[in-house]
Amino acid sequence: MGLLNKTETVASVPKLSQVLFVRKESSFNSLAALPSNVEAIEAALMFSAGLNPFVALVGPSGWGKTHLLHAVAHRLAHDLYVLPEPISVCDYLSNPSRGESAGPLLLDDVQEAMGKGGRMKMALRLNLERRVKCGKPTLLAFTSPKASRALRAYLPSARDWTIATMGAAEPAERVLLLHQMSAAEGLALSPRLSKVIADHMLGNGRTLAGALKRLRLSGTNWLDSNATLRAFGLLDPFFADNGSWDLKHKVLKVAEQHKAQFSKVSASDLALYTMLHEAGLSEVDVAHAKGIEPAEAYLRASRFKSQLADSEPTRAYVRQFIDLVVDELARD
């Protein structure tokens, strides 16, 4: 599977459907297939081939359902010269004729109609019944943790439908996904950086996309230890939902545990310098973590920095310390 070196610039964080593809067109050939989504991909392929006319995709938000709808649209346009446009359920119900051609209907965010109840829920059910009776291919995408009994009961002629789940990516899958997404952004990530992001950054695919775009604003090469630590500093806010993540605490802990290794300098000042000047963390946050005033944190870090120009041993200490910190983060 070839990988993009770059993608079109966008003004805001896209859906996962906009970043999972490694080429500009949203095709199945460029789709990142993972164990958590392979069932849904197979169902979408069967739908595209005309072998399964009624398919419902079910999964949590941000893990690629819209992506699959566009992949199906691309395949139908290429193979059958049919040009269906994936549309939201609200747009469809506000103008049903828009999706009532003889061709396939690709409907996103169907859970919104079910959740509102009443007229919208009934209107969609009646439209689906008509499509099933007429044999019009219909592909639905529901945001839901799993295919509930209520969802199955809602589908007309339920036995005619294939319900395929699309789960959230596990940490090992997130590493694969990060490789795909970073290549599309033109980024080179170190294995340790990818592992930490995959293991400790909560959220969904859009969270990962936002993190990579944040890195892209500051550079493309994040391979060595210094760049990896800098990346952790830039992405620190993206780890905020993970209560076990604390970059400042980790740096201070490594300094304390290995202070004998850095006996010719102050390990505490080395940690302050690393947090402020290498990781790029804020003075206020670093000072709070150390239990000192921001002005003191700044002065001690600056004093340590002034030693670097004329002291190769001190520069070597910094390199060794950063390696230890990055290794410790990747080990957790």
Protein backbone atom coordinates (compact mmCIF):
# COMPACT_ATOMS: atom_id res chain seq x y z
CA MET A 1 0.00 0.00 0.00
CA GLY A 2 1.62 3.24 -1.13
CA LEU A 3 1.83 6.17 1.24
CA LEU A 4 1.27 9.85 0.53
CA ASN A 5 4.00 12.30 1.30
CA LYS A 6 1.57 15.15 1.63
CA THR A 7 -2.11 16.01 1.53
CA GLU A 8 -4.15 19.06 0.76
CA THR A 9 -4.11 21.76 3.41
CA VAL A 10 -7.34 22.17 5.36
CA ALA A 11 -8.41 24.96 7.63
CA SER A 12 -9.74 22.81 10.48
CA VAL A 13 -9.33 19.37 11.95
CA PRO A 14 -11.03 16.97 9.51
CA LYS A 15 -13.09 13.91 10.10
CA LEU A 16 -11.17 10.67 10.13
CA SER A 17 -12.73 10.07 6.72
CA GLN A 18 -10.54 12.88 5.39
CA VAL A 19 -7.25 11.60 6.79
CA LEU A 20 -7.41 7.81 6.59
CA PHE A 21 -6.88 7.82 2.83
CA VAL A 22 -3.30 7.78 1.63
CA ARG A 23 -4.22 9.18 -1.76
CA LYS A 24 -6.35 12.16 -2.68
CA GLU A 25 -9.28 10.07 -3.87
CA SER A 26 -11.35 8.23 -1.28
CA SER A 27 -10.94 4.73 -2.73
CA PHE A 28 -10.87 1.28 -1.19
CA ASN A 29 -7.33 0.83 -2.56
CA SER A 30 -6.12 3.63 -0.31
CA LEU A 31 -8.09 2.60 2.76
CA ALA A 32 -6.26 1.74 5.97
CA ALA A 33 -7.71 -1.67 6.82
CA LEU A 34 -7.48 -2.60 10.49
CA PRO A 35 -8.81 -5.60 12.45
CA SER A 36 -11.37 -3.32 14.09
CA ASN A 37 -12.84 -2.16 10.77
CA VAL A 38 -12.33 -5.11 8.40
CA GLU A 39 -15.89 -6.39 8.87
CA ALA A 40 -17.31 -3.03 7.86
CA ILE A 41 -14.94 -2.74 4.90
CA GLU A 42 -15.98 -6.16 3.61
CA ALA A 43 -19.66 -5.26 3.92
CA ALA A 44 -19.07 -1.97 2.08
CA LEU A 45 -17.21 -3.79 -0.70
CA MET A 46 -20.08 -6.24 -1.08
CA PHE A 47 -22.48 -3.31 -1.28
CA SER A 48 -20.35 -1.59 -3.92
CA ALA A 49 -20.31 -4.79 -6.00
CA GLY A 50 -24.10 -5.06 -5.89
CA LEU A 51 -23.95 -8.30 -3.91
CA ASN A 52 -25.50 -6.94 -0.74
CA PRO A 53 -28.01 -4.14 -1.33
CA PHE A 54 -28.85 -3.28 2.28
CA VAL A 55 -26.01 -2.54 4.71
CA ALA A 56 -25.86 -0.75 8.05
CA LEU A 57 -22.49 0.33 9.44
CA VAL A 58 -22.38 0.77 13.21
CA GLY A 59 -19.56 2.15 15.35
CA PRO A 60 -18.40 4.91 17.69
CA SER A 61 -17.78 8.44 16.49
CA GLY A 62 -14.56 9.33 14.77
CA TRP A 63 -13.38 5.93 13.54
CA GLY A 64 -14.19 5.99 9.83
CA LYS A 65 -17.84 5.36 8.99
CA THR A 66 -18.08 8.49 6.86
CA HIS A 67 -14.81 7.39 5.31
CA LEU A 68 -16.41 4.18 4.10
CA LEU A 69 -19.40 6.00 2.64
CA HIS A 70 -17.08 8.07 0.48
CA ALA A 71 -15.08 5.00 -0.50
CA VAL A 72 -18.30 3.36 -1.68
CA ALA A 73 -19.28 6.51 -3.61
CA HIS A 74 -15.87 6.51 -5.30
CA ARG A 75 -16.15 2.83 -6.26
CA LEU A 76 -19.66 3.25 -7.66
CA ALA A 77 -18.62 6.28 -9.68
CA HIS A 78 -15.60 4.41 -11.08
CA ASP A 79 -17.20 1.03 -11.81
CA LEU A 80 -20.84 1.79 -12.50
CA TYR A 81 -20.76 5.47 -13.48
CA VAL A 82 -23.27 6.09 -10.71
CA LEU A 83 -22.65 9.26 -8.74
CA PRO A 84 -24.28 8.91 -5.32
CA GLU A 85 -23.45 11.60 -2.79
CA PRO A 86 -23.18 10.61 0.88
CA ILE A 87 -25.64 12.81 2.77
CA SER A 88 -26.67 13.23 6.39
CA VAL A 89 -30.01 11.91 7.52
CA CYS A 90 -31.19 15.43 8.36
CA ASP A 91 -30.42 16.69 4.84
CA TYR A 92 -32.10 13.63 3.36
CA LEU A 93 -35.31 14.04 5.35
CA SER A 94 -35.49 17.75 4.65
CA ASN A 95 -35.41 16.94 0.92
CA PRO A 96 -36.14 13.21 0.35
CA SER A 97 -36.16 13.59 -3.43
CA ARG A 98 -32.44 14.35 -3.26
CA GLY A 99 -31.71 10.69 -2.43
CA GLU A 100 -34.63 9.03 -4.14
CA SER A 101 -33.10 8.35 -7.53
CA ALA A 102 -32.92 4.82 -8.84
CA GLY A 103 -29.31 4.61 -7.67
CA PRO A 104 -27.89 3.78 -4.24
CA LEU A 105 -28.56 5.88 -1.15
CA LEU A 106 -25.58 6.54 1.14
CA LEU A 107 -26.94 7.95 4.39
CA ASP A 108 -24.79 9.19 7.30
CA ASP A 109 -25.59 9.97 10.96
CA VAL A 110 -28.77 7.90 10.89
CA GLN A 111 -28.83 7.75 14.70
CA GLU A 112 -29.92 11.39 14.72
CA ALA A 113 -33.30 10.45 13.26
CA MET A 114 -33.76 7.57 15.66
CA GLY A 115 -32.82 9.64 18.68
CA LYS A 116 -35.25 12.46 17.96
CA GLY A 117 -38.23 10.15 17.65
CA GLY A 118 -41.64 11.22 16.40
CA ARG A 119 -42.06 12.51 12.88
CA MET A 120 -38.44 12.27 11.76
CA LYS A 121 -38.05 8.69 12.96
CA MET A 122 -41.28 7.62 11.28
CA ALA A 123 -40.47 9.45 8.04
CA LEU A 124 -37.12 7.70 7.73
CA ARG A 125 -38.65 4.32 8.52
CA LEU A 126 -41.28 4.77 5.78
CA ASN A 127 -38.64 5.81 3.25
CA LEU A 128 -36.49 2.81 4.12
CA GLU A 129 -39.48 0.49 3.78
CA ARG A 130 -40.15 1.81 0.28
CA ARG A 131 -36.52 1.37 -0.71
CA VAL A 132 -36.39 -2.21 0.55
CA LYS A 133 -39.63 -3.11 -1.25
CA CYS A 134 -38.29 -1.60 -4.48
CA GLY A 135 -34.87 -3.21 -4.07
CA LYS A 136 -33.03 0.15 -4.08
CA PRO A 137 -29.52 -0.26 -2.61
CA THR A 138 -29.17 1.55 0.71
CA LEU A 139 -26.10 2.02 2.90
CA LEU A 140 -26.63 3.48 6.38
CA ALA A 141 -24.10 4.67 8.96
CA PHE A 142 -25.04 4.79 12.65
CA THR A 143 -22.93 6.27 15.44
CA SER A 144 -23.37 3.81 18.30
CA PRO A 145 -21.06 1.63 20.41
CA LYS A 146 -22.76 -1.48 19.06
CA ALA A 147 -25.74 -2.68 17.06
CA SER A 148 -28.54 -2.52 19.62
CA ARG A 149 -31.83 -4.39 19.56
CA ALA A 150 -33.61 -1.11 18.92
CA LEU A 151 -31.47 -0.50 15.83
CA ARG A 152 -32.12 -4.00 14.49
CA ALA A 153 -35.84 -3.64 15.13
CA TYR A 154 -35.91 -0.28 13.36
CA LEU A 155 -34.64 -1.65 10.04
CA PRO A 156 -37.49 -2.79 7.79
CA SER A 157 -37.23 -6.47 6.77
CA ALA A 158 -34.31 -6.82 9.16
CA ARG A 159 -33.23 -10.17 7.68
CA ASP A 160 -32.43 -8.44 4.40
CA TRP A 161 -29.83 -6.23 6.06
CA THR A 162 -26.18 -6.82 6.78
CA ILE A 163 -25.17 -5.05 10.00
CA ALA A 164 -21.39 -4.54 10.22
CA THR A 165 -19.61 -3.09 13.22
CA MET A 166 -16.67 -0.70 13.10
CA GLY A 167 -14.92 -0.54 16.47
CA ALA A 168 -12.48 1.92 17.97
CA ALA A 169 -8.86 1.14 17.12
CA GLU A 170 -6.83 -0.66 19.78
CA PRO A 171 -3.37 0.71 20.70
CA ALA A 172 -1.56 -1.64 18.29
CA GLU A 173 -3.93 -0.58 15.52
CA ARG A 174 -3.42 3.06 16.41
CA VAL A 175 0.29 2.66 15.68
CA LEU A 176 -0.55 1.43 12.18
CA LEU A 177 -3.06 4.22 11.78
CA LEU A 178 -0.53 6.82 12.89
CA HIS A 179 1.95 5.56 10.29
CA GLN A 180 -0.72 6.00 7.63
CA MET A 181 -1.90 9.38 8.81
CA SER A 182 1.59 10.80 9.43
CA ALA A 183 2.65 9.78 5.93
CA ALA A 184 -0.39 11.61 4.54
CA GLU A 185 0.73 14.70 6.49
CA GLY A 186 4.33 14.38 5.31
CA LEU A 187 5.54 13.67 8.85
CA ALA A 188 8.30 11.33 10.00
CA LEU A 189 7.58 10.08 13.54
CA SER A 190 9.98 8.11 15.70
CA PRO A 191 8.76 4.66 16.82
CA ARG A 192 8.80 5.86 20.43
CA LEU A 193 6.67 8.89 19.60
CA SER A 194 4.13 6.75 17.73
CA LYS A 195 3.96 4.27 20.59
CA VAL A 196 3.37 6.91 23.25
CA ILE A 197 0.66 8.62 21.20
CA ALA A 198 -1.03 5.28 20.48
CA ASP A 199 -0.88 4.11 24.08
CA HIS A 200 -1.61 7.30 26.01
CA MET A 201 -3.56 9.75 23.84
CA LEU A 202 -7.25 9.20 24.45
CA GLY A 203 -10.02 10.24 22.08
CA ASN A 204 -10.77 9.03 18.58
CA GLY A 205 -9.31 9.34 15.11
CA ARG A 206 -10.04 13.04 14.98
CA THR A 207 -7.93 13.50 18.11
CA LEU A 208 -5.02 11.77 16.38
CA ALA A 209 -5.56 13.89 13.28
CA GLY A 210 -5.50 17.07 15.35
CA ALA A 211 -2.30 16.02 17.09
CA LEU A 212 -0.53 15.34 13.81
CA LYS A 213 -1.62 18.65 12.38
CA ARG A 214 -0.25 20.36 15.48
CA LEU A 215 3.10 18.70 14.84
CA ARG A 216 2.94 19.64 11.17
CA LEU A 217 2.77 23.32 12.09
CA SER A 218 6.17 23.02 13.79
CA GLY A 219 8.04 20.71 11.43
CA THR A 220 8.09 17.39 9.62
CA ASN A 221 10.99 15.46 11.15
CA TRP A 222 10.32 14.01 14.61
CA LEU A 223 12.77 11.13 14.61
CA ASP A 224 15.57 11.74 17.11
CA SER A 225 15.23 11.94 20.89
CA ASN A 226 15.31 15.73 21.05
CA ALA A 227 12.60 16.06 18.42
CA THR A 228 10.56 13.35 20.12
CA LEU A 229 10.68 15.16 23.46
CA ARG A 230 9.80 18.42 21.74
CA ALA A 231 6.80 16.66 20.19
CA PHE A 232 5.67 15.49 23.63
CA GLY A 233 5.82 19.09 24.81
CA LEU A 234 3.80 20.35 21.85
CA LEU A 235 1.21 17.61 22.26
CA ASP A 236 0.98 17.82 26.05
CA PRO A 237 -2.55 19.35 25.90
CA PHE A 238 -3.73 16.41 23.78
CA PHE A 239 -2.92 14.06 26.68
CA ALA A 240 -4.97 16.10 29.15
CA ASP A 241 -7.80 13.55 29.30
CA ASN A 242 -5.39 10.86 30.46
CA GLY A 243 -4.99 11.22 34.21
CA SER A 244 -1.91 8.99 34.23
CA TRP A 245 -0.01 11.27 31.82
CA ASP A 246 2.22 13.92 33.39
CA LEU A 247 5.23 14.91 31.33
CA LYS A 248 6.58 17.29 33.98
CA HIS A 249 6.37 14.66 36.73
CA LYS A 250 8.11 12.14 34.48
CA VAL A 251 11.03 14.50 33.73
CA LEU A 252 11.46 15.34 37.41
CA LYS A 253 11.27 11.67 38.38
CA VAL A 254 13.95 10.67 35.87
CA ALA A 255 16.19 13.48 37.17
CA GLU A 256 15.81 12.27 40.74
CA GLN A 257 16.34 8.59 39.89
CA HIS A 258 19.48 9.25 37.81
CA LYS A 259 21.03 12.21 39.62
CA ALA A 260 24.18 10.19 40.41
CA GLN A 261 24.70 9.80 36.64
CA PHE A 262 24.75 13.60 36.28
CA SER A 263 26.86 14.37 39.35
CA LYS A 264 28.81 17.23 37.74
CA VAL A 265 25.70 19.36 37.28
CA SER A 266 22.52 19.99 39.22
CA ALA A 267 20.07 17.28 38.13
CA SER A 268 17.23 19.52 39.24
CA ASP A 269 18.41 22.38 37.04
CA LEU A 270 18.99 19.93 34.21
CA ALA A 271 15.32 18.91 34.51
CA LEU A 272 14.17 22.53 34.56
CA TYR A 273 16.24 23.33 31.47
CA THR A 274 14.90 20.26 29.67
CA MET A 275 11.27 21.06 30.41
CA LEU A 276 11.50 24.74 29.47
CA HIS A 277 13.99 24.77 26.60
CA GLU A 278 13.79 21.28 25.08
CA ALA A 279 10.17 20.25 25.67
CA GLY A 280 8.90 23.84 25.44
CA LEU A 281 6.60 23.63 28.46
CA SER A 282 5.35 26.81 30.14
CA GLU A 283 7.22 28.39 33.04
CA VAL A 284 4.09 28.50 35.17
CA ASP A 285 3.33 24.79 34.73
CA VAL A 286 6.95 23.74 35.25
CA ALA A 287 7.31 25.92 38.34
CA HIS A 288 4.10 24.53 39.79
CA ALA A 289 5.26 20.96 39.23
CA LYS A 290 8.61 21.76 40.90
CA GLY A 291 7.04 23.72 43.74
CA ILE A 292 8.90 26.96 43.03
CA GLU A 293 8.08 30.38 41.59
CA PRO A 294 8.08 30.83 37.78
CA ALA A 295 10.85 33.42 38.01
CA GLU A 296 13.10 30.98 39.85
CA ALA A 297 12.38 28.23 37.30
CA TYR A 298 13.29 30.62 34.49
CA LEU A 299 16.52 31.82 36.11
CA ARG A 300 17.75 28.34 37.00
CA ALA A 301 17.00 27.00 33.53
CA SER A 302 18.64 30.01 31.88
CA ARG A 303 21.72 29.67 34.05
CA PHE A 304 22.02 26.02 33.07
CA LYS A 305 21.54 26.91 29.39
CA SER A 306 24.40 29.41 29.56
CA GLN A 307 26.77 26.57 30.48
CA LEU A 308 26.06 24.61 27.31
CA ALA A 309 27.99 26.74 24.83
CA ASP A 310 31.37 26.15 26.51
CA SER A 311 30.87 22.69 27.99
CA GLU A 312 30.70 19.58 25.85
CA PRO A 313 30.27 17.37 28.94
CA THR A 314 27.18 19.38 29.89
CA ARG A 315 25.80 19.05 26.37
CA ALA A 316 26.41 15.31 26.59
CA TYR A 317 24.51 15.23 29.87
CA VAL A 318 21.54 16.90 28.17
CA ARG A 319 21.54 14.36 25.34
CA GLN A 320 21.77 11.46 27.79
CA PHE A 321 19.03 12.86 29.98
CA ILE A 322 16.65 13.40 27.07
CA ASP A 323 17.26 9.83 25.92
CA LEU A 324 16.39 8.58 29.40
CA VAL A 325 13.20 10.62 29.56
CA VAL A 326 11.99 9.50 26.12
CA ASP A 327 12.82 5.87 26.86
CA GLU A 328 10.94 6.07 30.16
CA LEU A 329 7.88 7.57 28.50
CA ALA A 330 7.87 4.87 25.80
CA ARG A 331 8.32 2.16 28.43
CA ASP A 332 5.23 3.09 30.46
